[in-house]
Protein backbone atom coordinates (compact mmCIF):
# COMPACT_ATOMS: atom_id res chain seq x y z
CA MET A 1 -20.02 -0.49 -63.62
CA ALA A 2 -18.25 -0.74 -60.26
CA PRO A 3 -17.64 -4.30 -59.00
CA THR A 4 -19.97 -5.62 -56.32
CA PRO A 5 -18.30 -6.23 -52.93
CA LEU A 6 -18.04 -9.85 -51.87
CA LEU A 7 -19.10 -8.90 -48.33
CA GLN A 8 -21.45 -6.06 -47.38
CA LEU A 9 -22.58 -4.92 -43.94
CA ARG A 10 -25.56 -2.58 -43.80
CA GLU A 11 -26.97 -0.78 -40.72
CA LEU A 12 -25.63 -3.54 -38.52
CA THR A 13 -26.25 -3.41 -34.76
CA ARG A 14 -26.05 -5.91 -31.94
CA SER A 15 -27.31 -5.45 -28.38
CA PHE A 16 -27.16 -7.78 -25.39
CA SER A 17 -29.43 -7.96 -22.35
CA THR A 18 -27.60 -7.99 -19.02
CA SER A 19 -28.60 -7.72 -15.36
CA GLN A 20 -27.75 -4.00 -15.62
CA GLY A 21 -29.89 -3.50 -18.72
CA THR A 22 -29.30 -3.49 -22.45
CA VAL A 23 -25.71 -3.13 -23.68
CA ASP A 24 -25.14 -1.85 -27.23
CA ALA A 25 -22.10 -3.81 -28.42
CA LEU A 26 -21.91 -3.03 -32.11
CA GLN A 27 -23.03 -0.38 -34.57
CA VAL A 28 -21.59 -0.58 -38.09
CA ASP A 29 -23.52 1.55 -40.57
CA SER A 30 -21.78 0.39 -43.75
CA LEU A 31 -18.76 -1.75 -44.59
CA ASP A 32 -17.74 -3.33 -47.90
CA VAL A 33 -15.04 -5.90 -48.50
CA MET A 34 -14.02 -6.50 -52.10
CA GLU A 35 -13.09 -9.88 -53.54
CA GLY A 36 -9.41 -10.66 -52.96
CA GLU A 37 -9.05 -8.09 -50.17
CA PHE A 38 -7.32 -8.85 -46.88
CA LEU A 39 -9.05 -6.71 -44.25
CA SER A 40 -7.75 -6.59 -40.68
CA ILE A 41 -9.87 -5.27 -37.82
CA VAL A 42 -8.19 -3.90 -34.70
CA GLY A 43 -9.48 -1.91 -31.74
CA PRO A 44 -9.79 -1.72 -27.96
CA SER A 45 -10.72 -4.82 -25.99
CA GLY A 46 -14.49 -5.25 -25.83
CA CYS A 47 -15.19 -3.15 -28.92
CA GLY A 48 -17.13 -5.94 -30.65
CA LYS A 49 -14.56 -7.37 -33.07
CA THR A 50 -15.39 -11.00 -32.34
CA THR A 51 -19.11 -10.21 -32.19
CA LEU A 52 -18.83 -8.73 -35.68
CA LEU A 53 -17.05 -11.80 -37.00
CA ARG A 54 -19.61 -14.14 -35.48
CA ILE A 55 -22.42 -12.19 -37.16
CA VAL A 56 -20.64 -12.35 -40.53
CA ALA A 57 -20.19 -16.11 -40.01
CA GLY A 58 -23.91 -16.54 -39.40
CA LEU A 59 -23.29 -17.83 -35.88
CA LEU A 60 -24.96 -14.83 -34.20
CA ALA A 61 -27.97 -12.90 -35.46
CA PRO A 62 -27.73 -9.10 -35.56
CA THR A 63 -30.23 -7.09 -33.56
CA ARG A 64 -30.77 -5.02 -36.68
CA GLY A 65 -29.29 -4.76 -40.14
CA ARG A 66 -27.99 -7.13 -42.80
CA VAL A 67 -24.90 -9.09 -43.78
CA ILE A 68 -24.70 -9.86 -47.50
CA ILE A 69 -22.20 -12.30 -49.02
CA GLU A 70 -22.08 -12.62 -52.81
CA GLY A 71 -25.43 -10.86 -53.07
CA ARG A 72 -27.24 -13.12 -50.58
CA GLU A 73 -28.31 -12.14 -47.09
CA VAL A 74 -26.75 -14.24 -44.34
CA THR A 75 -29.32 -16.01 -42.15
CA GLY A 76 -27.06 -18.83 -40.95
CA PRO A 77 -23.56 -20.19 -41.60
CA PRO A 78 -23.09 -19.58 -45.34
CA PRO A 79 -21.48 -22.04 -47.75
CA ASN A 80 -18.14 -21.19 -49.32
CA MET A 81 -16.68 -19.78 -46.11
CA GLY A 82 -13.87 -20.94 -43.84
CA ILE A 83 -13.19 -19.97 -40.22
CA VAL A 84 -9.99 -20.11 -38.16
CA TYR A 85 -10.36 -19.46 -34.44
CA GLN A 86 -7.87 -18.38 -31.77
CA ARG A 87 -7.59 -22.01 -30.66
CA PRO A 88 -7.16 -24.75 -33.30
CA VAL A 89 -10.28 -26.68 -32.11
CA LEU A 90 -8.94 -30.00 -33.40
CA LEU A 91 -10.65 -33.26 -32.49
CA PRO A 92 -8.11 -35.14 -30.35
CA TRP A 93 -9.24 -38.62 -31.47
CA ARG A 94 -8.79 -37.82 -35.16
CA THR A 95 -5.47 -37.76 -36.99
CA VAL A 96 -4.12 -34.61 -38.63
CA LEU A 97 -5.40 -35.74 -42.02
CA SER A 98 -8.86 -36.65 -40.74
CA ASN A 99 -9.09 -33.33 -38.89
CA VAL A 100 -8.41 -31.49 -42.15
CA VAL A 101 -10.96 -33.46 -44.19
CA LEU A 102 -13.56 -32.81 -41.49
CA ALA A 103 -14.37 -29.57 -43.36
CA SER A 104 -15.71 -31.58 -46.31
CA GLU A 105 -17.93 -33.60 -44.00
CA ILE A 106 -19.46 -30.45 -42.51
CA GLN A 107 -19.94 -28.51 -45.76
CA PRO A 108 -22.11 -30.23 -48.37
CA GLY A 109 -21.09 -30.36 -52.02
CA ASP A 110 -18.61 -32.01 -54.34
CA HIS A 111 -15.14 -31.09 -53.09
CA GLY A 112 -13.26 -33.53 -55.33
CA ASP A 113 -10.57 -35.76 -53.87
CA VAL A 114 -10.45 -34.22 -50.39
CA HIS A 115 -7.66 -36.49 -49.16
CA GLU A 116 -5.39 -35.47 -52.03
CA ARG A 117 -6.26 -31.81 -51.48
CA ALA A 118 -5.67 -32.18 -47.72
CA ARG A 119 -2.24 -33.72 -48.32
CA GLU A 120 -1.33 -30.88 -50.71
CA LEU A 121 -2.33 -28.29 -48.12
CA LEU A 122 -0.42 -30.03 -45.33
CA ASP A 123 2.62 -30.17 -47.59
CA SER A 124 2.29 -26.44 -48.35
CA VAL A 125 2.43 -25.56 -44.63
CA GLY A 126 5.37 -27.84 -43.88
CA LEU A 127 3.46 -30.74 -42.33
CA ARG A 128 4.29 -33.51 -44.75
CA GLY A 129 4.84 -36.68 -42.76
CA PHE A 130 2.48 -35.67 -39.96
CA GLU A 131 -0.73 -36.84 -41.66
CA GLN A 132 -1.24 -39.75 -39.25
CA SER A 133 -0.14 -37.87 -36.12
CA TYR A 134 -2.63 -36.77 -33.47
CA PRO A 135 -3.10 -33.18 -32.20
CA ALA A 136 -1.46 -33.97 -28.83
CA GLN A 137 1.74 -34.87 -30.71
CA LEU A 138 1.98 -31.42 -32.35
CA SER A 139 3.19 -28.03 -31.13
CA GLY A 140 0.76 -25.11 -30.91
CA GLY A 141 1.98 -23.64 -34.19
CA MET A 142 1.64 -26.99 -35.96
CA GLN A 143 -1.91 -27.40 -34.63
CA GLN A 144 -2.85 -23.97 -35.95
CA ARG A 145 -1.42 -24.88 -39.34
CA VAL A 146 -3.71 -27.91 -39.35
CA ALA A 147 -6.67 -25.65 -38.51
CA LEU A 148 -5.70 -23.35 -41.39
CA CYS A 149 -5.56 -26.30 -43.80
CA ARG A 150 -9.00 -27.41 -42.62
CA ALA A 151 -10.42 -23.94 -43.29
CA LEU A 152 -8.88 -23.88 -46.79
CA LEU A 153 -9.80 -27.44 -47.79
CA THR A 154 -13.07 -26.59 -49.54
CA ASP A 155 -11.48 -23.58 -51.30
CA PRO A 156 -13.79 -20.99 -49.66
CA LYS A 157 -14.35 -17.59 -51.20
CA LEU A 158 -14.30 -15.91 -47.77
CA LEU A 159 -11.95 -16.71 -44.90
CA LEU A 160 -12.71 -15.41 -41.39
CA MET A 161 -9.89 -15.43 -38.84
CA ASP A 162 -10.41 -14.55 -35.18
CA GLU A 163 -7.01 -13.81 -33.58
CA PRO A 164 -5.63 -17.08 -34.96
CA PHE A 165 -2.06 -16.51 -33.72
CA ALA A 166 -2.80 -14.92 -30.33
CA ALA A 167 -1.90 -18.03 -28.31
CA LEU A 168 1.46 -18.54 -30.07
CA ASP A 169 4.87 -17.34 -28.98
CA ALA A 170 6.36 -14.34 -30.80
CA ILE A 171 8.67 -16.28 -33.14
CA THR A 172 6.01 -18.83 -34.11
CA ARG A 173 3.55 -15.99 -34.62
CA GLU A 174 5.92 -14.27 -37.08
CA ARG A 175 6.44 -17.54 -38.95
CA MET A 176 2.69 -18.10 -39.17
CA GLY A 177 2.23 -14.57 -40.49
CA LEU A 178 4.78 -15.22 -43.25
CA LEU A 179 3.14 -18.54 -44.07
CA LEU A 180 -0.34 -17.04 -44.18
CA HIS A 181 0.79 -14.18 -46.40
CA ARG A 182 2.38 -16.59 -48.88
CA LEU A 183 -0.62 -18.94 -49.00
CA LEU A 184 -3.21 -16.21 -49.41
CA ARG A 185 -1.15 -14.20 -51.91
CA GLU A 186 -1.12 -17.31 -54.11
CA SER A 187 -4.83 -18.12 -53.67
CA ARG A 188 -6.21 -14.53 -53.63
CA LYS A 189 -8.68 -15.34 -50.86
CA THR A 190 -10.89 -12.66 -49.37
CA VAL A 191 -10.03 -12.45 -45.68
CA VAL A 192 -11.46 -10.71 -42.61
CA PHE A 193 -8.83 -10.94 -39.88
CA ILE A 194 -9.34 -9.98 -36.24
CA THR A 195 -6.18 -9.16 -34.30
CA HIS A 196 -4.73 -7.12 -31.45
CA GLY A 197 -1.36 -7.11 -33.23
CA ILE A 198 -0.92 -3.81 -35.03
CA SER A 199 2.29 -4.82 -36.82
CA GLU A 200 0.64 -8.11 -37.80
CA ALA A 201 -2.34 -6.23 -39.24
CA VAL A 202 -0.14 -3.91 -41.32
CA PHE A 203 2.06 -6.75 -42.57
CA LEU A 204 -0.81 -8.95 -43.75
CA SER A 205 -3.44 -6.50 -44.97
CA ASN A 206 -4.53 -4.42 -47.90
CA GLU A 207 -6.68 -2.39 -45.51
CA VAL A 208 -6.99 -1.99 -41.75
CA ILE A 209 -10.06 -0.86 -39.82
CA VAL A 210 -9.78 0.56 -36.31
CA MET A 211 -12.96 0.14 -34.29
CA THR A 212 -14.06 2.48 -31.53
CA SER A 213 -14.95 1.55 -27.97
CA ARG A 214 -18.41 0.15 -27.27
CA PRO A 215 -20.61 0.34 -29.17
CA GLY A 216 -18.03 -0.68 -31.75
CA THR A 217 -18.15 1.44 -34.88
CA VAL A 218 -15.69 1.95 -37.73
CA GLY A 219 -13.51 4.76 -36.39
CA LYS A 220 -10.73 4.78 -38.98
CA ARG A 221 -9.90 3.02 -42.26
CA LEU A 222 -6.34 2.86 -43.54
CA LEU A 223 -5.27 1.55 -46.93
CA VAL A 224 -1.94 -0.22 -46.50
CA ASP A 225 0.52 1.23 -49.00
CA LEU A 226 3.18 -1.49 -49.04
CA PRO A 227 4.56 -3.86 -51.71
CA GLU A 228 2.47 -6.92 -52.44
CA ALA A 229 5.44 -9.24 -51.85
CA ARG A 230 6.38 -8.94 -48.17
CA GLY A 231 9.14 -10.42 -46.01
CA LEU A 232 10.48 -9.87 -42.52
CA GLU A 233 12.71 -7.02 -43.74
CA LEU A 234 9.56 -4.96 -44.26
CA PHE A 235 9.18 -4.52 -40.48
CA GLY A 236 12.29 -2.34 -40.41
CA THR A 237 11.26 0.12 -43.12
CA PRO A 238 10.15 3.73 -42.39
CA LYS A 239 6.93 3.26 -44.38
CA PHE A 240 5.92 0.25 -42.29
CA ALA A 241 6.67 2.11 -39.06
CA GLU A 242 4.67 5.12 -40.24
CA GLN A 243 1.57 3.09 -41.06
CA ALA A 244 1.78 1.05 -37.85
CA GLN A 245 2.11 4.25 -35.81
CA GLU A 246 -0.96 5.77 -37.46
CA ILE A 247 -3.03 2.75 -36.47
CA ARG A 248 -1.53 2.67 -32.98
CA LYS A 249 -2.53 6.29 -32.39
CA ALA A 250 -6.09 5.56 -33.49
CA VAL A 251 -6.35 2.51 -31.21
CA LEU A 252 -5.07 4.53 -28.26
CA GLN A 253 -7.47 7.36 -29.06
CA TYR A 254 -10.50 5.08 -29.05
CA SER A 255 -9.26 3.22 -25.97
CA ASP A 256 -9.06 6.54 -24.09
CA GLU A 257 -12.67 7.27 -25.05
CA ALA A 258 -13.89 4.11 -23.33
């Protein structure tokens, strides 16, 4: 018997009412994400990537269709899920440690010794010694590492990431990509990752989806055929360049159709 996908999208649409009439933003007939898969979604601006993620997160209801996580239909923010946004969204009056443990306060359940787990996560991302610092005392990359720790604190089955490195400079973004790959390779999380960075998508993913212009549909799916262990040297290989170029062509094609 074939394994059941952790995440399933079925006949999913989303429309918005505007002063000019109804706008069809999203139309995804079928999409499965298996447990342990890292799926990146790229596409033209305005194609519905963030709308799709918000629907999966239970923060926005679809106009039609279903989102199913672990066999249960999503009707609101599901348990066992973490989210990392483009901005860290840290509470400025809470310390780094108390920002991380905030996840356990929001999600019900027995999460064990959350302070010990939070310290372990902060250590794993190079933030040992910053537990009692405040967000304003951290760089942008450090703040995003705190947000990542917060999302991982409750050991979620599914991690949703909406352009989490978009506001970072190029060098910090590369470092965050390496860090994320190491953390998630060890934990085998299932990840849906929204990005405009084609090289970033290829480097991190098992599979990349290219969405079409509005209404956003799945235009192309590419399995990433690269070694599981990845370092910066991978960016200079012919295979990496070939896969990135294939995705780039698809993004340009669907952008031209807008």
